[in-house]
Amino acid sequence: MTTLYRMLRQLEKDGLVRSVWEAQAGGPARRVYTLTDAGRSLLDAGAGYLERYRHAIDTFFGTYGATAKRKERRG
């Protein structure tokens, strides 16, 4: 858990998230984190990269699987 909160503090310091304390009825306040516009842009860029990477891997295994099936039928 300490690693998670350390990372959240760093993300906030970097301007990628912001946090506010939110009061709880009958309990202690809790810290709520939200993405900033910069954080959303970085997340979107990372997701786009991962989507392209997934497509490349899917293409590879599609080609590999088709090649393996042809070899299997031959012999």
N, C-alpha and C. Protein backbone atom coordinates (compact mmCIF):
# COMPACT_ATOMS: atom_id res chain seq x y z
N MET A 1 0.82 -1.20 0.00
CA MET A 1 0.00 0.00 0.00
C MET A 1 0.86 1.26 0.00
N THR A 2 1.99 1.21 0.69
CA THR A 2 2.83 2.41 0.73
C THR A 2 3.35 2.76 -0.66
N THR A 3 3.63 1.75 -1.47
CA THR A 3 4.11 2.01 -2.82
C THR A 3 3.03 2.71 -3.64
N LEU A 4 1.79 2.29 -3.48
CA LEU A 4 0.68 2.90 -4.21
C LEU A 4 0.54 4.37 -3.84
N TYR A 5 0.55 4.69 -2.55
CA TYR A 5 0.38 6.08 -2.14
C TYR A 5 1.60 6.92 -2.49
N ARG A 6 2.77 6.33 -2.47
CA ARG A 6 3.97 7.04 -2.91
C ARG A 6 3.84 7.39 -4.39
N MET A 7 3.36 6.46 -5.18
CA MET A 7 3.16 6.69 -6.62
C MET A 7 2.10 7.77 -6.85
N LEU A 8 1.02 7.72 -6.11
CA LEU A 8 -0.02 8.75 -6.25
C LEU A 8 0.52 10.14 -5.90
N ARG A 9 1.32 10.23 -4.86
CA ARG A 9 1.92 11.52 -4.48
C ARG A 9 2.83 12.03 -5.60
N GLN A 10 3.60 11.12 -6.21
CA GLN A 10 4.48 11.53 -7.30
C GLN A 10 3.67 11.97 -8.52
N LEU A 11 2.60 11.24 -8.84
CA LEU A 11 1.74 11.63 -9.95
C LEU A 11 1.13 13.00 -9.71
N GLU A 12 0.77 13.28 -8.46
CA GLU A 12 0.22 14.59 -8.12
C GLU A 12 1.30 15.67 -8.26
N LYS A 13 2.48 15.39 -7.79
CA LYS A 13 3.60 16.33 -7.91
C LYS A 13 3.89 16.63 -9.38
N ASP A 14 3.76 15.61 -10.24
CA ASP A 14 4.00 15.76 -11.68
C ASP A 14 2.83 16.41 -12.42
N GLY A 15 1.73 16.67 -11.71
CA GLY A 15 0.58 17.32 -12.33
C GLY A 15 -0.32 16.40 -13.11
N LEU A 16 -0.21 15.10 -12.87
CA LEU A 16 -1.02 14.14 -13.63
C LEU A 16 -2.31 13.76 -12.92
N VAL A 17 -2.35 13.90 -11.61
CA VAL A 17 -3.56 13.71 -10.82
C VAL A 17 -3.67 14.85 -9.82
N ARG A 18 -4.87 15.05 -9.30
CA ARG A 18 -5.06 15.98 -8.19
C ARG A 18 -5.86 15.24 -7.13
N SER A 19 -5.73 15.70 -5.91
CA SER A 19 -6.47 15.04 -4.84
C SER A 19 -7.15 16.08 -3.96
N VAL A 20 -8.23 15.64 -3.36
CA VAL A 20 -8.95 16.45 -2.37
C VAL A 20 -9.34 15.53 -1.22
N TRP A 21 -9.44 16.13 -0.05
CA TRP A 21 -9.94 15.38 1.09
C TRP A 21 -11.45 15.46 1.06
N GLU A 22 -12.10 14.32 1.23
CA GLU A 22 -13.55 14.24 1.21
C GLU A 22 -14.03 13.75 2.56
N ALA A 23 -14.91 14.53 3.18
CA ALA A 23 -15.43 14.16 4.49
C ALA A 23 -16.36 12.96 4.36
N GLN A 24 -16.32 12.10 5.36
CA GLN A 24 -17.17 10.92 5.40
C GLN A 24 -18.10 11.03 6.60
N ALA A 25 -19.38 10.79 6.37
CA ALA A 25 -20.32 10.79 7.49
C ALA A 25 -20.01 9.58 8.37
N GLY A 26 -19.71 9.81 9.62
CA GLY A 26 -19.47 8.71 10.55
C GLY A 26 -18.11 8.05 10.39
N GLY A 27 -17.17 8.69 9.74
CA GLY A 27 -15.86 8.09 9.56
C GLY A 27 -14.82 9.15 9.22
N PRO A 28 -13.60 8.72 9.10
CA PRO A 28 -12.54 9.68 8.79
C PRO A 28 -12.63 10.16 7.34
N ALA A 29 -12.08 11.32 7.10
CA ALA A 29 -12.03 11.84 5.72
C ALA A 29 -11.15 10.92 4.88
N ARG A 30 -11.41 10.91 3.59
CA ARG A 30 -10.59 10.11 2.69
C ARG A 30 -10.09 11.00 1.57
N ARG A 31 -8.98 10.64 1.03
CA ARG A 31 -8.39 11.39 -0.08
C ARG A 31 -8.89 10.78 -1.39
N VAL A 32 -9.40 11.62 -2.27
CA VAL A 32 -9.95 11.18 -3.56
C VAL A 32 -9.08 11.77 -4.66
N TYR A 33 -8.64 10.92 -5.58
CA TYR A 33 -7.75 11.32 -6.66
C TYR A 33 -8.52 11.35 -7.97
N THR A 34 -8.23 12.35 -8.80
CA THR A 34 -8.79 12.43 -10.14
C THR A 34 -7.68 12.80 -11.12
N LEU A 35 -7.86 12.37 -12.36
CA LEU A 35 -6.89 12.72 -13.41
C LEU A 35 -7.01 14.19 -13.78
N THR A 36 -5.88 14.81 -14.05
CA THR A 36 -5.87 16.14 -14.64
C THR A 36 -5.95 15.98 -16.15
N ASP A 37 -6.07 17.09 -16.86
CA ASP A 37 -6.06 17.02 -18.32
C ASP A 37 -4.75 16.42 -18.83
N ALA A 38 -3.65 16.80 -18.20
CA ALA A 38 -2.34 16.24 -18.58
C ALA A 38 -2.30 14.74 -18.30
N GLY A 39 -2.87 14.32 -17.18
CA GLY A 39 -2.93 12.90 -16.85
C GLY A 39 -3.77 12.12 -17.84
N ARG A 40 -4.89 12.69 -18.24
CA ARG A 40 -5.78 12.05 -19.24
C ARG A 40 -5.05 11.93 -20.58
N SER A 41 -4.33 12.97 -20.97
CA SER A 41 -3.59 12.93 -22.24
C SER A 41 -2.53 11.83 -22.21
N LEU A 42 -1.80 11.75 -21.10
CA LEU A 42 -0.78 10.72 -20.97
C LEU A 42 -1.40 9.32 -20.97
N LEU A 43 -2.50 9.16 -20.27
CA LEU A 43 -3.20 7.88 -20.25
C LEU A 43 -3.69 7.50 -21.64
N ASP A 44 -4.27 8.46 -22.35
CA ASP A 44 -4.75 8.19 -23.71
C ASP A 44 -3.60 7.80 -24.64
N ALA A 45 -2.47 8.50 -24.51
CA ALA A 45 -1.31 8.18 -25.35
C ALA A 45 -0.79 6.78 -25.03
N GLY A 46 -0.71 6.44 -23.75
CA GLY A 46 -0.26 5.11 -23.35
C GLY A 46 -1.20 4.02 -23.82
N ALA A 47 -2.50 4.29 -23.73
CA ALA A 47 -3.48 3.31 -24.20
C ALA A 47 -3.38 3.12 -25.71
N GLY A 48 -3.14 4.20 -26.43
CA GLY A 48 -2.96 4.11 -27.89
C GLY A 48 -1.75 3.27 -28.24
N TYR A 49 -0.65 3.48 -27.50
CA TYR A 49 0.56 2.69 -27.73
C TYR A 49 0.28 1.21 -27.48
N LEU A 50 -0.39 0.91 -26.37
CA LEU A 50 -0.69 -0.48 -26.05
C LEU A 50 -1.63 -1.11 -27.07
N GLU A 51 -2.57 -0.33 -27.61
CA GLU A 51 -3.47 -0.84 -28.65
C GLU A 51 -2.68 -1.21 -29.91
N ARG A 52 -1.75 -0.35 -30.31
CA ARG A 52 -0.92 -0.66 -31.49
C ARG A 52 -0.04 -1.89 -31.22
N TYR A 53 0.50 -1.99 -30.02
CA TYR A 53 1.33 -3.13 -29.65
C TYR A 53 0.50 -4.42 -29.68
N ARG A 54 -0.70 -4.37 -29.13
CA ARG A 54 -1.59 -5.54 -29.14
C ARG A 54 -1.92 -5.95 -30.57
N HIS A 55 -2.15 -4.97 -31.44
CA HIS A 55 -2.44 -5.28 -32.83
C HIS A 55 -1.25 -5.99 -33.48
N ALA A 56 -0.04 -5.52 -33.19
CA ALA A 56 1.16 -6.15 -33.76
C ALA A 56 1.31 -7.58 -33.25
N ILE A 57 1.06 -7.80 -31.97
CA ILE A 57 1.15 -9.15 -31.40
C ILE A 57 0.07 -10.05 -32.00
N ASP A 58 -1.15 -9.53 -32.11
CA ASP A 58 -2.24 -10.32 -32.72
C ASP A 58 -1.90 -10.69 -34.16
N THR A 59 -1.34 -9.74 -34.90
CA THR A 59 -0.94 -10.01 -36.29
C THR A 59 0.12 -11.09 -36.33
N PHE A 60 1.11 -10.97 -35.45
CA PHE A 60 2.17 -11.98 -35.40
C PHE A 60 1.60 -13.36 -35.15
N PHE A 61 0.78 -13.51 -34.11
CA PHE A 61 0.27 -14.82 -33.77
C PHE A 61 -0.73 -15.34 -34.80
N GLY A 62 -1.44 -14.42 -35.46
CA GLY A 62 -2.31 -14.86 -36.55
C GLY A 62 -1.50 -15.45 -37.69
N THR A 63 -0.42 -14.79 -38.05
CA THR A 63 0.46 -15.29 -39.10
C THR A 63 1.16 -16.57 -38.66
N TYR A 64 1.65 -16.58 -37.45
CA TYR A 64 2.35 -17.75 -36.91
C TYR A 64 1.41 -18.96 -36.86
N GLY A 65 0.19 -18.74 -36.39
CA GLY A 65 -0.77 -19.84 -36.30
C GLY A 65 -1.12 -20.40 -37.66
N ALA A 66 -1.30 -19.52 -38.63
CA ALA A 66 -1.63 -19.98 -39.99
C ALA A 66 -0.47 -20.77 -40.58
N THR A 67 0.76 -20.31 -40.34
CA THR A 67 1.95 -21.02 -40.83
C THR A 67 2.07 -22.39 -40.17
N ALA A 68 1.85 -22.44 -38.88
CA ALA A 68 1.95 -23.70 -38.14
C ALA A 68 0.90 -24.70 -38.63
N LYS A 69 -0.30 -24.23 -38.92
CA LYS A 69 -1.36 -25.13 -39.42
C LYS A 69 -1.01 -25.68 -40.80
N ARG A 70 -0.43 -24.83 -41.66
CA ARG A 70 -0.03 -25.32 -42.98
C ARG A 70 1.05 -26.39 -42.86
N LYS A 71 2.01 -26.18 -41.99
CA LYS A 71 3.07 -27.16 -41.79
C LYS A 71 2.52 -28.45 -41.21
N GLU A 72 1.55 -28.32 -40.32
CA GLU A 72 0.93 -29.49 -39.69
C GLU A 72 0.20 -30.33 -40.73
N ARG A 73 -0.48 -29.70 -41.67
CA ARG A 73 -1.20 -30.43 -42.71
C ARG A 73 -0.27 -31.12 -43.68
N ARG A 74 0.91 -30.53 -43.90
CA ARG A 74 1.87 -31.12 -44.81
C ARG A 74 2.54 -32.36 -44.23
N GLY A 75 2.66 -32.37 -42.95
CA GLY A 75 3.36 -33.51 -42.58
C GLY A 75 3.73 -33.94 -41.30
